[in-house]
Amino acid sequence: MRISEATAPAPGWLRELADARSSYQESFGWPVSVQVGARHLVVALGRVLNAVSMPAGLGARVLDRLTGPVPIFASPDGTRWTFLVGPGTPANSTISGDVELAPPGSHVAIPVNPSERWVEPPRRALPPARSVLALVY
């Protein structure tokens, strides 16, 4: 007797997550993982990149003062912006209550679709965290 196992194709949302993960990893070298239960992508912070999060209004002022490209994405509700920066924590960085530098080893959810929620699209090189944090004060 032959046992037949029918396999259904992966749902579209899962294929989209897998494709986006591959794209981020191949294009930028980011350590991206799929969180299937939450249906989103997360990037590990600390070794390859880090994240600075702040209110959108402050983020817009920082963006206006930046001299180089920095990948920035908005939260789903648009109230916070996250700047992706190089790894490491700058020395002597005191951050205000509204500005958060993600601790090494944490994760941040990133947009699945590159055209979705990106205020500034990702690029190959990431600026040091100190260049973004210096503009907050």
N, C-alpha and C. Protein backbone atom coordinates (compact mmCIF):
# COMPACT_ATOMS: atom_id res chain seq x y z
N MET A 1 0.82 -1.16 0.00
CA MET A 1 0.00 0.00 0.00
C MET A 1 0.88 1.24 0.00
N ARG A 2 0.55 2.16 -0.86
CA ARG A 2 1.32 3.39 -0.99
C ARG A 2 0.60 4.50 -0.23
N ILE A 3 1.36 5.19 0.58
CA ILE A 3 0.79 6.30 1.33
C ILE A 3 1.10 7.58 0.57
N SER A 4 0.06 8.28 0.27
CA SER A 4 0.22 9.53 -0.47
C SER A 4 0.06 10.70 0.48
N GLU A 5 1.00 11.59 0.40
CA GLU A 5 0.92 12.77 1.27
C GLU A 5 0.73 13.99 0.38
N ALA A 6 -0.40 14.61 0.51
CA ALA A 6 -0.67 15.81 -0.27
C ALA A 6 -0.12 17.00 0.49
N THR A 7 0.63 17.80 -0.21
CA THR A 7 1.16 19.01 0.42
C THR A 7 0.56 20.23 -0.25
N ALA A 8 0.09 21.08 0.55
CA ALA A 8 -0.48 22.33 0.04
C ALA A 8 0.64 23.35 -0.08
N PRO A 9 0.55 24.23 -1.03
CA PRO A 9 1.57 25.27 -1.14
C PRO A 9 1.53 26.18 0.09
N ALA A 10 2.65 26.79 0.37
CA ALA A 10 2.72 27.73 1.49
C ALA A 10 1.76 28.89 1.23
N PRO A 11 1.16 29.42 2.27
CA PRO A 11 0.27 30.57 2.06
C PRO A 11 1.06 31.75 1.50
N GLY A 12 0.38 32.62 0.80
CA GLY A 12 1.02 33.78 0.17
C GLY A 12 1.77 34.66 1.15
N TRP A 13 1.22 34.90 2.33
CA TRP A 13 1.88 35.75 3.31
C TRP A 13 3.20 35.16 3.77
N LEU A 14 3.28 33.83 3.86
CA LEU A 14 4.52 33.18 4.28
C LEU A 14 5.58 33.27 3.18
N ARG A 15 5.16 33.09 1.93
CA ARG A 15 6.09 33.26 0.81
C ARG A 15 6.62 34.70 0.76
N GLU A 16 5.72 35.67 1.02
CA GLU A 16 6.14 37.07 1.02
C GLU A 16 7.19 37.33 2.11
N LEU A 17 6.97 36.77 3.31
CA LEU A 17 7.94 36.93 4.39
C LEU A 17 9.28 36.29 4.04
N ALA A 18 9.24 35.09 3.49
CA ALA A 18 10.47 34.39 3.12
C ALA A 18 11.23 35.14 2.03
N ASP A 19 10.52 35.65 1.05
CA ASP A 19 11.16 36.42 -0.02
C ASP A 19 11.79 37.71 0.52
N ALA A 20 11.07 38.40 1.39
CA ALA A 20 11.59 39.64 1.97
C ALA A 20 12.82 39.37 2.82
N ARG A 21 12.77 38.29 3.60
CA ARG A 21 13.93 37.90 4.43
C ARG A 21 15.15 37.69 3.56
N SER A 22 14.98 36.92 2.51
CA SER A 22 16.10 36.65 1.59
C SER A 22 16.63 37.94 0.97
N SER A 23 15.73 38.81 0.58
CA SER A 23 16.13 40.07 -0.05
C SER A 23 16.97 40.92 0.90
N TYR A 24 16.52 41.08 2.15
CA TYR A 24 17.27 41.87 3.12
C TYR A 24 18.64 41.23 3.39
N GLN A 25 18.67 39.92 3.52
CA GLN A 25 19.93 39.24 3.80
C GLN A 25 20.90 39.37 2.63
N GLU A 26 20.42 39.13 1.42
CA GLU A 26 21.29 39.19 0.25
C GLU A 26 21.71 40.61 -0.10
N SER A 27 20.80 41.56 0.01
CA SER A 27 21.10 42.94 -0.37
C SER A 27 21.95 43.69 0.66
N PHE A 28 21.70 43.43 1.95
CA PHE A 28 22.33 44.24 2.99
C PHE A 28 23.13 43.43 4.01
N GLY A 29 23.00 42.11 4.01
CA GLY A 29 23.72 41.29 4.97
C GLY A 29 23.15 41.34 6.37
N TRP A 30 21.88 41.73 6.47
CA TRP A 30 21.24 41.84 7.78
C TRP A 30 20.80 40.47 8.30
N PRO A 31 20.94 40.22 9.59
CA PRO A 31 20.49 38.95 10.19
C PRO A 31 18.97 38.99 10.46
N VAL A 32 18.20 38.69 9.44
CA VAL A 32 16.74 38.78 9.50
C VAL A 32 16.14 37.40 9.72
N SER A 33 15.13 37.33 10.57
CA SER A 33 14.40 36.09 10.84
C SER A 33 12.91 36.32 10.59
N VAL A 34 12.22 35.23 10.31
CA VAL A 34 10.77 35.27 10.14
C VAL A 34 10.12 34.85 11.46
N GLN A 35 9.19 35.64 11.95
CA GLN A 35 8.37 35.25 13.09
C GLN A 35 7.01 34.87 12.53
N VAL A 36 6.83 33.58 12.33
CA VAL A 36 5.64 33.08 11.64
C VAL A 36 4.37 33.41 12.41
N GLY A 37 4.36 33.19 13.72
CA GLY A 37 3.16 33.44 14.51
C GLY A 37 2.69 34.88 14.45
N ALA A 38 3.63 35.81 14.43
CA ALA A 38 3.28 37.24 14.38
C ALA A 38 3.20 37.75 12.95
N ARG A 39 3.63 36.93 12.00
CA ARG A 39 3.63 37.29 10.58
C ARG A 39 4.44 38.53 10.29
N HIS A 40 5.64 38.60 10.87
CA HIS A 40 6.52 39.71 10.53
C HIS A 40 7.99 39.28 10.54
N LEU A 41 8.84 40.21 10.08
CA LEU A 41 10.28 39.99 10.05
C LEU A 41 10.92 40.73 11.21
N VAL A 42 11.95 40.13 11.78
CA VAL A 42 12.72 40.81 12.81
C VAL A 42 14.19 40.74 12.44
N VAL A 43 14.92 41.75 12.83
CA VAL A 43 16.36 41.78 12.60
C VAL A 43 17.05 41.81 13.96
N ALA A 44 18.07 40.96 14.10
CA ALA A 44 18.84 40.90 15.34
C ALA A 44 19.77 42.11 15.41
N LEU A 45 19.83 42.72 16.57
CA LEU A 45 20.62 43.94 16.74
C LEU A 45 21.87 43.66 17.57
N GLY A 46 22.92 44.41 17.26
CA GLY A 46 24.14 44.32 18.06
C GLY A 46 25.39 44.03 17.25
N ARG A 47 25.38 43.03 16.42
CA ARG A 47 26.60 42.66 15.68
C ARG A 47 26.73 43.37 14.34
N VAL A 48 25.65 43.41 13.57
CA VAL A 48 25.69 43.96 12.22
C VAL A 48 25.10 45.37 12.18
N LEU A 49 24.07 45.57 12.98
CA LEU A 49 23.41 46.87 13.00
C LEU A 49 22.74 47.09 14.33
N ASN A 50 22.29 48.32 14.53
CA ASN A 50 21.56 48.67 15.73
C ASN A 50 20.42 49.58 15.32
N ALA A 51 19.58 49.97 16.27
CA ALA A 51 18.41 50.77 15.97
C ALA A 51 18.24 51.87 17.02
N VAL A 52 17.92 53.06 16.52
CA VAL A 52 17.58 54.20 17.38
C VAL A 52 16.15 54.57 17.05
N SER A 53 15.28 54.55 18.06
CA SER A 53 13.86 54.82 17.87
C SER A 53 13.50 56.12 18.58
N MET A 54 12.62 56.91 17.94
CA MET A 54 12.21 58.19 18.52
C MET A 54 10.84 58.59 17.98
N PRO A 55 10.19 59.57 18.61
CA PRO A 55 8.92 60.06 18.09
C PRO A 55 9.10 60.58 16.66
N ALA A 56 8.08 60.44 15.84
CA ALA A 56 8.16 60.81 14.42
C ALA A 56 8.54 62.28 14.23
N GLY A 57 8.00 63.18 15.05
CA GLY A 57 8.32 64.60 14.91
C GLY A 57 9.80 64.87 15.12
N LEU A 58 10.36 64.29 16.15
CA LEU A 58 11.79 64.44 16.41
C LEU A 58 12.58 63.76 15.29
N GLY A 59 12.12 62.60 14.85
CA GLY A 59 12.78 61.90 13.75
C GLY A 59 12.85 62.74 12.49
N ALA A 60 11.78 63.45 12.18
CA ALA A 60 11.77 64.32 11.00
C ALA A 60 12.80 65.44 11.13
N ARG A 61 12.93 66.00 12.34
CA ARG A 61 13.93 67.05 12.56
C ARG A 61 15.34 66.49 12.43
N VAL A 62 15.57 65.29 12.95
CA VAL A 62 16.89 64.65 12.83
C VAL A 62 17.18 64.36 11.36
N LEU A 63 16.21 63.84 10.63
CA LEU A 63 16.40 63.54 9.21
C LEU A 63 16.79 64.80 8.44
N ASP A 64 16.16 65.93 8.73
CA ASP A 64 16.48 67.19 8.05
C ASP A 64 17.93 67.61 8.27
N ARG A 65 18.51 67.21 9.41
CA ARG A 65 19.87 67.63 9.75
C ARG A 65 20.94 66.62 9.35
N LEU A 66 20.54 65.43 8.94
CA LEU A 66 21.51 64.40 8.56
C LEU A 66 22.25 64.79 7.29
N THR A 67 23.51 64.41 7.23
CA THR A 67 24.31 64.71 6.05
C THR A 67 24.45 63.52 5.11
N GLY A 68 24.09 62.34 5.55
CA GLY A 68 24.20 61.16 4.71
C GLY A 68 22.97 60.28 4.84
N PRO A 69 22.88 59.25 4.01
CA PRO A 69 21.70 58.39 4.04
C PRO A 69 21.67 57.49 5.28
N VAL A 70 20.48 57.35 5.82
CA VAL A 70 20.22 56.47 6.96
C VAL A 70 18.90 55.77 6.70
N PRO A 71 18.86 54.43 6.77
CA PRO A 71 17.56 53.77 6.61
C PRO A 71 16.67 54.08 7.81
N ILE A 72 15.44 54.51 7.51
CA ILE A 72 14.49 54.88 8.56
C ILE A 72 13.14 54.30 8.19
N PHE A 73 12.48 53.67 9.16
CA PHE A 73 11.11 53.22 8.92
C PHE A 73 10.21 53.68 10.04
N ALA A 74 8.93 53.83 9.70
CA ALA A 74 7.92 54.28 10.66
C ALA A 74 7.24 53.08 11.31
N SER A 75 6.78 53.29 12.53
CA SER A 75 5.98 52.26 13.19
C SER A 75 4.67 52.11 12.42
N PRO A 76 3.95 50.99 12.61
CA PRO A 76 2.69 50.81 11.88
C PRO A 76 1.70 51.97 12.04
N ASP A 77 1.69 52.60 13.21
CA ASP A 77 0.77 53.73 13.41
C ASP A 77 1.39 55.08 13.05
N GLY A 78 2.67 55.06 12.63
CA GLY A 78 3.35 56.27 12.18
C GLY A 78 3.84 57.19 13.27
N THR A 79 3.70 56.82 14.54
CA THR A 79 4.06 57.73 15.63
C THR A 79 5.54 57.69 16.00
N ARG A 80 6.25 56.62 15.61
CA ARG A 80 7.68 56.51 15.93
C ARG A 80 8.46 56.18 14.67
N TRP A 81 9.67 56.67 14.62
CA TRP A 81 10.58 56.35 13.54
C TRP A 81 11.76 55.59 14.11
N THR A 82 12.25 54.61 13.37
CA THR A 82 13.42 53.85 13.77
C THR A 82 14.51 54.05 12.72
N PHE A 83 15.65 54.51 13.18
CA PHE A 83 16.84 54.73 12.35
C PHE A 83 17.73 53.50 12.52
N LEU A 84 18.10 52.86 11.42
CA LEU A 84 19.03 51.74 11.48
C LEU A 84 20.44 52.27 11.33
N VAL A 85 21.29 51.91 12.28
CA VAL A 85 22.65 52.44 12.35
C VAL A 85 23.64 51.30 12.50
N GLY A 86 24.92 51.64 12.46
CA GLY A 86 25.96 50.64 12.64
C GLY A 86 25.92 50.04 14.03
N PRO A 87 26.63 48.93 14.23
CA PRO A 87 26.61 48.26 15.53
C PRO A 87 27.37 49.05 16.58
N GLY A 88 27.14 48.69 17.81
CA GLY A 88 27.86 49.31 18.91
C GLY A 88 27.06 50.40 19.59
N THR A 89 27.47 50.69 20.79
CA THR A 89 26.85 51.75 21.58
C THR A 89 27.87 52.86 21.72
N PRO A 90 27.53 54.07 21.34
CA PRO A 90 28.50 55.16 21.47
C PRO A 90 28.85 55.43 22.92
N ALA A 91 30.10 55.80 23.14
CA ALA A 91 30.54 56.13 24.49
C ALA A 91 29.84 57.40 24.95
N ASN A 92 29.55 57.47 26.24
CA ASN A 92 28.95 58.66 26.84
C ASN A 92 27.66 59.10 26.15
N SER A 93 26.81 58.16 25.81
CA SER A 93 25.56 58.54 25.17
C SER A 93 24.43 58.52 26.19
N THR A 94 24.00 59.70 26.56
CA THR A 94 22.85 59.83 27.42
C THR A 94 21.68 60.12 26.50
N ILE A 95 20.65 59.31 26.58
CA ILE A 95 19.53 59.42 25.66
C ILE A 95 18.30 59.88 26.43
N SER A 96 17.53 60.76 25.80
CA SER A 96 16.32 61.27 26.44
C SER A 96 15.29 60.15 26.58
N GLY A 97 14.25 60.40 27.37
CA GLY A 97 13.23 59.39 27.62
C GLY A 97 12.48 58.94 26.38
N ASP A 98 12.38 59.80 25.37
CA ASP A 98 11.65 59.46 24.15
C ASP A 98 12.51 58.80 23.09
N VAL A 99 13.82 58.79 23.29
CA VAL A 99 14.75 58.22 22.31
C VAL A 99 15.36 56.97 22.90
N GLU A 100 15.28 55.89 22.13
CA GLU A 100 15.77 54.60 22.62
C GLU A 100 16.82 54.03 21.67
N LEU A 101 17.97 53.67 22.21
CA LEU A 101 18.98 52.92 21.48
C LEU A 101 18.79 51.47 21.88
N ALA A 102 18.48 50.62 20.93
CA ALA A 102 18.18 49.22 21.24
C ALA A 102 19.40 48.54 21.84
N PRO A 103 19.20 47.73 22.87
CA PRO A 103 20.34 47.03 23.46
C PRO A 103 20.81 45.88 22.56
N PRO A 104 22.11 45.61 22.57
CA PRO A 104 22.61 44.47 21.79
C PRO A 104 21.89 43.19 22.20
N GLY A 105 21.60 42.36 21.22
CA GLY A 105 20.90 41.10 21.47
C GLY A 105 19.39 41.21 21.35
N SER A 106 18.88 42.43 21.22
CA SER A 106 17.44 42.58 21.04
C SER A 106 17.09 42.46 19.56
N HIS A 107 15.82 42.54 19.26
CA HIS A 107 15.33 42.44 17.88
C HIS A 107 14.35 43.57 17.62
N VAL A 108 14.26 43.97 16.36
CA VAL A 108 13.27 44.96 15.97
C VAL A 108 12.55 44.45 14.73
N ALA A 109 11.24 44.65 14.70
CA ALA A 109 10.45 44.26 13.54
C ALA A 109 10.68 45.27 12.43
N ILE A 110 10.95 44.77 11.22
CA ILE A 110 11.19 45.65 10.07
C ILE A 110 10.08 45.44 9.05
N PRO A 111 9.86 46.43 8.18
CA PRO A 111 8.81 46.29 7.16
C PRO A 111 9.09 45.10 6.24
N VAL A 112 8.03 44.40 5.88
CA VAL A 112 8.16 43.25 4.99
C VAL A 112 8.40 43.73 3.56
N ASN A 113 7.61 44.66 3.12
CA ASN A 113 7.72 45.18 1.77
C ASN A 113 8.63 46.40 1.79
N PRO A 114 9.68 46.42 0.95
CA PRO A 114 10.60 47.56 0.97
C PRO A 114 9.94 48.91 0.71
N SER A 115 8.79 48.94 0.07
CA SER A 115 8.13 50.22 -0.18
C SER A 115 7.16 50.60 0.93
N GLU A 116 7.02 49.73 1.91
CA GLU A 116 6.05 49.92 2.99
C GLU A 116 6.72 50.50 4.23
N ARG A 117 6.26 51.65 4.67
CA ARG A 117 6.68 52.28 5.91
C ARG A 117 8.13 52.77 5.93
N TRP A 118 8.86 52.63 4.84
CA TRP A 118 10.22 53.16 4.83
C TRP A 118 10.16 54.67 4.58
N VAL A 119 10.65 55.44 5.51
CA VAL A 119 10.76 56.88 5.36
C VAL A 119 11.96 57.16 4.46
N GLU A 120 13.05 56.47 4.70
CA GLU A 120 14.25 56.46 3.87
C GLU A 120 14.58 54.99 3.64
N PRO A 121 14.73 54.57 2.38
CA PRO A 121 14.96 53.15 2.11
C PRO A 121 16.33 52.68 2.58
N PRO A 122 16.46 51.39 2.82
CA PRO A 122 17.75 50.85 3.26
C PRO A 122 18.82 50.99 2.18
N ARG A 123 20.03 51.14 2.66
CA ARG A 123 21.20 51.20 1.78
C ARG A 123 22.27 50.29 2.36
N ARG A 124 23.28 50.07 1.60
CA ARG A 124 24.35 49.16 2.00
C ARG A 124 25.06 49.60 3.28
N ALA A 125 25.54 50.84 3.31
CA ALA A 125 26.32 51.31 4.45
C ALA A 125 25.41 51.91 5.51
N LEU A 126 25.73 51.65 6.76
CA LEU A 126 24.98 52.21 7.88
C LEU A 126 25.85 53.21 8.61
N PRO A 127 25.29 54.35 8.98
CA PRO A 127 26.08 55.34 9.73
C PRO A 127 26.27 54.88 11.17
N PRO A 128 27.28 55.40 11.85
CA PRO A 128 27.41 55.07 13.27
C PRO A 128 26.25 55.66 14.08
N ALA A 129 25.90 55.01 15.16
CA ALA A 129 24.80 55.49 16.00
C ALA A 129 25.05 56.90 16.49
N ARG A 130 26.30 57.23 16.79
CA ARG A 130 26.61 58.57 17.33
C ARG A 130 26.23 59.68 16.36
N SER A 131 26.26 59.41 15.04
CA SER A 131 25.92 60.46 14.08
C SER A 131 24.43 60.80 14.13
N VAL A 132 23.59 59.83 14.48
CA VAL A 132 22.15 60.09 14.63
C VAL A 132 21.88 60.67 16.01
N LEU A 133 22.47 60.07 17.05
CA LEU A 133 22.21 60.53 18.41
C LEU A 133 22.70 61.95 18.63
N ALA A 134 23.77 62.36 17.97
CA ALA A 134 24.29 63.72 18.14
C ALA A 134 23.27 64.77 17.68
N LEU A 135 22.39 64.39 16.77
CA LEU A 135 21.40 65.33 16.24
C LEU A 135 20.12 65.39 17.07
N VAL A 136 20.00 64.49 18.03
CA VAL A 136 18.81 64.45 18.88
C VAL A 136 18.85 65.59 19.88
N TYR A 137 20.00 65.96 20.32
CA TYR A 137 20.14 66.94 21.41
C TYR A 137 20.16 68.35 20.93
